[in-house]
Amino acid sequence: MSIYTKTGDAGTTALFTGQRVKKSHPRVETYGTLDELNAALSLCARVAQGEENLQLLDAIQHQLFLFQRRTGQ
């Protein structure tokens, strides 16, 4: 399935602010890394044993979401 945005590509992507940056921009790379971290934390929470561990993972994910919101991801 193809998705067309009609904005062209040219190796760039739009940030939440509308600003276009290269796909290799550190901010775009950071967003991807944070998404991967969130996915890994979710997997950890599925297999974690002990309420204390689950609470810690939940707290870390909550802080991660707050960080992503503040940075405009």
PDB file of N, CA and C in Angstrom:
ATOM      1  N   MET A   1       0.832  -1.171   0.000  1.00  0.00           N
ATOM      2  CA  MET A   1       0.000   0.000   0.000  1.00  0.00           C
ATOM      3  C   MET A   1       0.882   1.241   0.000  1.00  0.00           C
ATOM      4  N   SER A   2       0.611   2.150  -0.882  1.00  0.00           N
ATOM      5  CA  SER A   2       1.380   3.389  -0.967  1.00  0.00           C
ATOM      6  C   SER A   2       0.596   4.540  -0.371  1.00  0.00           C
ATOM      7  N   ILE A   3       1.322   5.432   0.286  1.00  0.00           N
ATOM      8  CA  ILE A   3       0.710   6.632   0.843  1.00  0.00           C
ATOM      9  C   ILE A   3       1.378   7.832   0.185  1.00  0.00           C
ATOM     10  N   TYR A   4       0.572   8.739  -0.326  1.00  0.00           N
ATOM     11  CA  TYR A   4       1.086   9.928  -0.978  1.00  0.00           C
ATOM     12  C   TYR A   4       0.693  11.162  -0.183  1.00  0.00           C
ATOM     13  N   THR A   5       1.674  11.973   0.165  1.00  0.00           N
ATOM     14  CA  THR A   5       1.394  13.188   0.936  1.00  0.00           C
ATOM     15  C   THR A   5       1.388  14.430   0.047  1.00  0.00           C
ATOM     16  N   LYS A   6       1.849  14.275  -1.179  1.00  0.00           N
ATOM     17  CA  LYS A   6       1.914  15.366  -2.162  1.00  0.00           C
ATOM     18  C   LYS A   6       2.847  16.489  -1.732  1.00  0.00           C
ATOM     19  N   THR A   7       3.765  16.200  -0.808  1.00  0.00           N
ATOM     20  CA  THR A   7       4.734  17.210  -0.400  1.00  0.00           C
ATOM     21  C   THR A   7       6.122  16.871  -0.919  1.00  0.00           C
ATOM     22  N   GLY A   8       6.244  15.779  -1.621  1.00  0.00           N
ATOM     23  CA  GLY A   8       7.557  15.381  -2.105  1.00  0.00           C
ATOM     24  C   GLY A   8       8.376  14.755  -1.002  1.00  0.00           C
ATOM     25  N   ASP A   9       9.507  14.208  -1.358  1.00  0.00           N
ATOM     26  CA  ASP A   9      10.337  13.570  -0.354  1.00  0.00           C
ATOM     27  C   ASP A   9      11.676  14.270  -0.307  1.00  0.00           C
ATOM     28  N   ALA A  10      12.477  14.083  -1.285  1.00  0.00           N
ATOM     29  CA  ALA A  10      13.804  14.707  -1.363  1.00  0.00           C
ATOM     30  C   ALA A  10      14.631  14.462  -0.103  1.00  0.00           C
ATOM     31  N   GLY A  11      14.343  13.369   0.597  1.00  0.00           N
ATOM     32  CA  GLY A  11      15.130  13.036   1.776  1.00  0.00           C
ATOM     33  C   GLY A  11      14.812  13.865   2.999  1.00  0.00           C
ATOM     34  N   THR A  12      13.648  14.506   3.000  1.00  0.00           N
ATOM     35  CA  THR A  12      13.269  15.328   4.150  1.00  0.00           C
ATOM     36  C   THR A  12      11.958  14.833   4.742  1.00  0.00           C
ATOM     37  N   THR A  13      11.687  15.286   5.955  1.00  0.00           N
ATOM     38  CA  THR A  13      10.434  14.957   6.627  1.00  0.00           C
ATOM     39  C   THR A  13       9.986  16.182   7.409  1.00  0.00           C
ATOM     40  N   ALA A  14       8.701  16.266   7.680  1.00  0.00           N
ATOM     41  CA  ALA A  14       8.162  17.415   8.407  1.00  0.00           C
ATOM     42  C   ALA A  14       8.099  17.108   9.898  1.00  0.00           C
ATOM     43  N   LEU A  15       8.538  18.064  10.701  1.00  0.00           N
ATOM     44  CA  LEU A  15       8.403  17.961  12.144  1.00  0.00           C
ATOM     45  C   LEU A  15       7.012  18.436  12.532  1.00  0.00           C
ATOM     46  N   PHE A  16       6.658  18.243  13.788  1.00  0.00           N
ATOM     47  CA  PHE A  16       5.352  18.653  14.294  1.00  0.00           C
ATOM     48  C   PHE A  16       5.109  20.139  14.051  1.00  0.00           C
ATOM     49  N   THR A  17       6.165  20.928  14.086  1.00  0.00           N
ATOM     50  CA  THR A  17       6.069  22.377  13.899  1.00  0.00           C
ATOM     51  C   THR A  17       5.837  22.768  12.448  1.00  0.00           C
ATOM     52  N   GLY A  18       5.985  21.800  11.534  1.00  0.00           N
ATOM     53  CA  GLY A  18       5.856  22.088  10.116  1.00  0.00           C
ATOM     54  C   GLY A  18       7.206  22.277   9.443  1.00  0.00           C
ATOM     55  N   GLN A  19       8.235  22.468  10.238  1.00  0.00           N
ATOM     56  CA  GLN A  19       9.590  22.630   9.711  1.00  0.00           C
ATOM     57  C   GLN A  19      10.012  21.342   9.022  1.00  0.00           C
ATOM     58  N   ARG A  20      10.677  21.474   7.856  1.00  0.00           N
ATOM     59  CA  ARG A  20      11.175  20.302   7.150  1.00  0.00           C
ATOM     60  C   ARG A  20      12.667  20.162   7.438  1.00  0.00           C
ATOM     61  N   VAL A  21      13.073  18.944   7.763  1.00  0.00           N
ATOM     62  CA  VAL A  21      14.482  18.646   8.040  1.00  0.00           C
ATOM     63  C   VAL A  21      14.861  17.362   7.310  1.00  0.00           C
ATOM     64  N   LYS A  22      16.165  17.166   7.163  1.00  0.00           N
ATOM     65  CA  LYS A  22      16.639  15.915   6.551  1.00  0.00           C
ATOM     66  C   LYS A  22      16.257  14.735   7.430  1.00  0.00           C
ATOM     67  N   LYS A  23      15.996  13.608   6.795  1.00  0.00           N
ATOM     68  CA  LYS A  23      15.630  12.409   7.551  1.00  0.00           C
ATOM     69  C   LYS A  23      16.781  11.926   8.426  1.00  0.00           C
ATOM     70  N   SER A  24      17.984  12.385   8.146  1.00  0.00           N
ATOM     71  CA  SER A  24      19.139  12.025   8.961  1.00  0.00           C
ATOM     72  C   SER A  24      19.367  13.033  10.089  1.00  0.00           C
ATOM     73  N   HIS A  25      18.500  14.004  10.242  1.00  0.00           N
ATOM     74  CA  HIS A  25      18.627  15.030  11.284  1.00  0.00           C
ATOM     75  C   HIS A  25      18.628  14.361  12.661  1.00  0.00           C
ATOM     76  N   PRO A  26      19.463  14.823  13.589  1.00  0.00           N
ATOM     77  CA  PRO A  26      19.516  14.214  14.919  1.00  0.00           C
ATOM     78  C   PRO A  26      18.164  14.161  15.631  1.00  0.00           C
ATOM     79  N   ARG A  27      17.320  15.133  15.394  1.00  0.00           N
ATOM     80  CA  ARG A  27      16.003  15.143  16.050  1.00  0.00           C
ATOM     81  C   ARG A  27      15.143  13.974  15.561  1.00  0.00           C
ATOM     82  N   VAL A  28      15.171  13.716  14.260  1.00  0.00           N
ATOM     83  CA  VAL A  28      14.407  12.596  13.692  1.00  0.00           C
ATOM     84  C   VAL A  28      14.975  11.277  14.199  1.00  0.00           C
ATOM     85  N   GLU A  29      16.293  11.180  14.252  1.00  0.00           N
ATOM     86  CA  GLU A  29      16.948   9.971  14.769  1.00  0.00           C
ATOM     87  C   GLU A  29      16.567   9.740  16.231  1.00  0.00           C
ATOM     88  N   THR A  30      16.509  10.821  17.001  1.00  0.00           N
ATOM     89  CA  THR A  30      16.146  10.717  18.417  1.00  0.00           C
ATOM     90  C   THR A  30      14.716  10.225  18.572  1.00  0.00           C
ATOM     91  N   TYR A  31      13.805  10.728  17.758  1.00  0.00           N
ATOM     92  CA  TYR A  31      12.412  10.267  17.835  1.00  0.00           C
ATOM     93  C   TYR A  31      12.326   8.765  17.604  1.00  0.00           C
ATOM     94  N   GLY A  32      13.057   8.274  16.606  1.00  0.00           N
ATOM     95  CA  GLY A  32      13.057   6.842  16.328  1.00  0.00           C
ATOM     96  C   GLY A  32      13.641   6.036  17.473  1.00  0.00           C
ATOM     97  N   THR A  33      14.704   6.536  18.048  1.00  0.00           N
ATOM     98  CA  THR A  33      15.339   5.858  19.172  1.00  0.00           C
ATOM     99  C   THR A  33      14.405   5.803  20.378  1.00  0.00           C
ATOM    100  N   LEU A  34      13.713   6.907  20.654  1.00  0.00           N
ATOM    101  CA  LEU A  34      12.757   6.932  21.766  1.00  0.00           C
ATOM    102  C   LEU A  34      11.600   5.970  21.524  1.00  0.00           C
ATOM    103  N   ASP A  35      11.146   5.876  20.283  1.00  0.00           N
ATOM    104  CA  ASP A  35      10.081   4.914  19.961  1.00  0.00           C
ATOM    105  C   ASP A  35      10.554   3.479  20.194  1.00  0.00           C
ATOM    106  N   GLU A  36      11.790   3.192  19.796  1.00  0.00           N
ATOM    107  CA  GLU A  36      12.343   1.851  20.017  1.00  0.00           C
ATOM    108  C   GLU A  36      12.480   1.564  21.506  1.00  0.00           C
ATOM    109  N   LEU A  37      12.913   2.548  22.273  1.00  0.00           N
ATOM    110  CA  LEU A  37      13.031   2.378  23.720  1.00  0.00           C
ATOM    111  C   LEU A  37      11.666   2.087  24.339  1.00  0.00           C
ATOM    112  N   ASN A  38      10.646   2.819  23.911  1.00  0.00           N
ATOM    113  CA  ASN A  38       9.302   2.589  24.434  1.00  0.00           C
ATOM    114  C   ASN A  38       8.816   1.180  24.112  1.00  0.00           C
ATOM    115  N   ALA A  39       9.096   0.713  22.907  1.00  0.00           N
ATOM    116  CA  ALA A  39       8.704  -0.646  22.531  1.00  0.00           C
ATOM    117  C   ALA A  39       9.436  -1.678  23.390  1.00  0.00           C
ATOM    118  N   ALA A  40      10.725  -1.461  23.628  1.00  0.00           N
ATOM    119  CA  ALA A  40      11.502  -2.389  24.456  1.00  0.00           C
ATOM    120  C   ALA A  40      10.981  -2.407  25.892  1.00  0.00           C
ATOM    121  N   LEU A  41      10.634  -1.228  26.424  1.00  0.00           N
ATOM    122  CA  LEU A  41      10.090  -1.161  27.780  1.00  0.00           C
ATOM    123  C   LEU A  41       8.751  -1.893  27.868  1.00  0.00           C
ATOM    124  N   SER A  42       7.949  -1.789  26.822  1.00  0.00           N
ATOM    125  CA  SER A  42       6.667  -2.500  26.805  1.00  0.00           C
ATOM    126  C   SER A  42       6.877  -4.010  26.840  1.00  0.00           C
ATOM    127  N   LEU A  43       7.865  -4.494  26.090  1.00  0.00           N
ATOM    128  CA  LEU A  43       8.176  -5.924  26.113  1.00  0.00           C
ATOM    129  C   LEU A  43       8.665  -6.348  27.494  1.00  0.00           C
ATOM    130  N   CYS A  44       9.489  -5.521  28.092  1.00  0.00           N
ATOM    131  CA  CYS A  44       9.982  -5.828  29.444  1.00  0.00           C
ATOM    132  C   CYS A  44       8.823  -5.919  30.427  1.00  0.00           C
ATOM    133  N   ALA A  45       7.867  -5.018  30.308  1.00  0.00           N
ATOM    134  CA  ALA A  45       6.724  -5.010  31.221  1.00  0.00           C
ATOM    135  C   ALA A  45       5.880  -6.278  31.074  1.00  0.00           C
ATOM    136  N   ARG A  46       5.852  -6.838  29.860  1.00  0.00           N
ATOM    137  CA  ARG A  46       5.071  -8.063  29.635  1.00  0.00           C
ATOM    138  C   ARG A  46       5.676  -9.269  30.350  1.00  0.00           C
ATOM    139  N   VAL A  47       6.987  -9.280  30.548  1.00  0.00           N
ATOM    140  CA  VAL A  47       7.630 -10.449  31.142  1.00  0.00           C
ATOM    141  C   VAL A  47       8.173 -10.184  32.550  1.00  0.00           C
ATOM    142  N   ALA A  48       8.079  -8.950  32.990  1.00  0.00           N
ATOM    143  CA  ALA A  48       8.609  -8.592  34.311  1.00  0.00           C
ATOM    144  C   ALA A  48       7.849  -9.313  35.413  1.00  0.00           C
ATOM    145  N   GLN A  49       8.581  -9.659  36.427  1.00  0.00           N
ATOM    146  CA  GLN A  49       7.974 -10.292  37.586  1.00  0.00           C
ATOM    147  C   GLN A  49       8.146  -9.375  38.787  1.00  0.00           C
ATOM    148  N   GLY A  50       7.114  -9.276  39.563  1.00  0.00           N
ATOM    149  CA  GLY A  50       7.172  -8.444  40.754  1.00  0.00           C
ATOM    150  C   GLY A  50       6.550  -7.082  40.521  1.00  0.00           C
ATOM    151  N   GLU A  51       5.711  -6.690  41.442  1.00  0.00           N
ATOM    152  CA  GLU A  51       4.999  -5.419  41.331  1.00  0.00           C
ATOM    153  C   GLU A  51       5.960  -4.235  41.301  1.00  0.00           C
ATOM    154  N   GLU A  52       7.036  -4.320  42.069  1.00  0.00           N
ATOM    155  CA  GLU A  52       8.007  -3.224  42.103  1.00  0.00           C
ATOM    156  C   GLU A  52       8.633  -2.994  40.726  1.00  0.00           C
ATOM    157  N   ASN A  53       8.967  -4.072  40.040  1.00  0.00           N
ATOM    158  CA  ASN A  53       9.541  -3.958  38.698  1.00  0.00           C
ATOM    159  C   ASN A  53       8.535  -3.372  37.712  1.00  0.00           C
ATOM    160  N   LEU A  54       7.296  -3.815  37.788  1.00  0.00           N
ATOM    161  CA  LEU A  54       6.262  -3.283  36.904  1.00  0.00           C
ATOM    162  C   LEU A  54       6.043  -1.795  37.149  1.00  0.00           C
ATOM    163  N   GLN A  55       6.042  -1.393  38.412  1.00  0.00           N
ATOM    164  CA  GLN A  55       5.866   0.016  38.736  1.00  0.00           C
ATOM    165  C   GLN A  55       7.035   0.854  38.221  1.00  0.00           C
ATOM    166  N   LEU A  56       8.241   0.320  38.323  1.00  0.00           N
ATOM    167  CA  LEU A  56       9.411   1.036  37.825  1.00  0.00           C
ATOM    168  C   LEU A  56       9.326   1.223  36.302  1.00  0.00           C
ATOM    169  N   LEU A  57       8.997   0.152  35.598  1.00  0.00           N
ATOM    170  CA  LEU A  57       8.876   0.246  34.141  1.00  0.00           C
ATOM    171  C   LEU A  57       7.774   1.226  33.748  1.00  0.00           C
ATOM    172  N   ASP A  58       6.659   1.196  34.458  1.00  0.00           N
ATOM    173  CA  ASP A  58       5.563   2.119  34.186  1.00  0.00           C
ATOM    174  C   ASP A  58       6.005   3.563  34.409  1.00  0.00           C
ATOM    175  N   ALA A  59       6.744   3.803  35.476  1.00  0.00           N
ATOM    176  CA  ALA A  59       7.223   5.152  35.777  1.00  0.00           C
ATOM    177  C   ALA A  59       8.198   5.645  34.702  1.00  0.00           C
ATOM    178  N   ILE A  60       9.059   4.761  34.232  1.00  0.00           N
ATOM    179  CA  ILE A  60      10.011   5.138  33.180  1.00  0.00           C
ATOM    180  C   ILE A  60       9.264   5.490  31.902  1.00  0.00           C
ATOM    181  N   GLN A  61       8.275   4.663  31.533  1.00  0.00           N
ATOM    182  CA  GLN A  61       7.507   4.955  30.326  1.00  0.00           C
ATOM    183  C   GLN A  61       6.741   6.265  30.466  1.00  0.00           C
ATOM    184  N   HIS A  62       6.205   6.523  31.631  1.00  0.00           N
ATOM    185  CA  HIS A  62       5.475   7.770  31.847  1.00  0.00           C
ATOM    186  C   HIS A  62       6.408   8.964  31.637  1.00  0.00           C
ATOM    187  N   GLN A  63       7.615   8.902  32.198  1.00  0.00           N
ATOM    188  CA  GLN A  63       8.587   9.981  32.020  1.00  0.00           C
ATOM    189  C   GLN A  63       8.981  10.132  30.548  1.00  0.00           C
ATOM    190  N   LEU A  64       9.093   9.018  29.854  1.00  0.00           N
ATOM    191  CA  LEU A  64       9.424   9.047  28.430  1.00  0.00           C
ATOM    192  C   LEU A  64       8.330   9.756  27.642  1.00  0.00           C
ATOM    193  N   PHE A  65       7.071   9.460  27.934  1.00  0.00           N
ATOM    194  CA  PHE A  65       5.959  10.129  27.252  1.00  0.00           C
ATOM    195  C   PHE A  65       5.971  11.626  27.534  1.00  0.00           C
ATOM    196  N   LEU A  66       6.251  12.007  28.782  1.00  0.00           N
ATOM    197  CA  LEU A  66       6.313  13.434  29.118  1.00  0.00           C
ATOM    198  C   LEU A  66       7.435  14.124  28.348  1.00  0.00           C
ATOM    199  N   PHE A  67       8.578  13.459  28.260  1.00  0.00           N
ATOM    200  CA  PHE A  67       9.702  14.015  27.515  1.00  0.00           C
ATOM    201  C   PHE A  67       9.347  14.201  26.047  1.00  0.00           C
ATOM    202  N   GLN A  68       8.709  13.191  25.453  1.00  0.00           N
ATOM    203  CA  GLN A  68       8.355  13.283  24.044  1.00  0.00           C
ATOM    204  C   GLN A  68       7.340  14.402  23.819  1.00  0.00           C
ATOM    205  N   ARG A  69       6.417  14.578  24.721  1.00  0.00           N
ATOM    206  CA  ARG A  69       5.436  15.648  24.573  1.00  0.00           C
ATOM    207  C   ARG A  69       6.115  17.011  24.635  1.00  0.00           C
ATOM    208  N   ARG A  70       7.059  17.160  25.568  1.00  0.00           N
ATOM    209  CA  ARG A  70       7.751  18.437  25.738  1.00  0.00           C
ATOM    210  C   ARG A  70       8.633  18.789  24.544  1.00  0.00           C
ATOM    211  N   THR A  71       9.163  17.778  23.881  1.00  0.00           N
ATOM    212  CA  THR A  71      10.037  18.041  22.746  1.00  0.00           C
ATOM    213  C   THR A  71       9.258  18.153  21.440  1.00  0.00           C
ATOM    214  N   GLY A  72       7.937  17.979  21.518  1.00  0.00           N
ATOM    215  CA  GLY A  72       7.116  18.167  20.326  1.00  0.00           C
ATOM    216  C   GLY A  72       7.096  17.007  19.369  1.00  0.00           C
ATOM    217  N   GLN A  73       7.380  15.834  19.847  1.00  0.00           N
ATOM    218  CA  GLN A  73       7.377  14.685  18.956  1.00  0.00           C
ATOM    219  C   GLN A  73       5.984  14.337  18.526  1.00  0.00           C
TER     220      GLN A  73
END
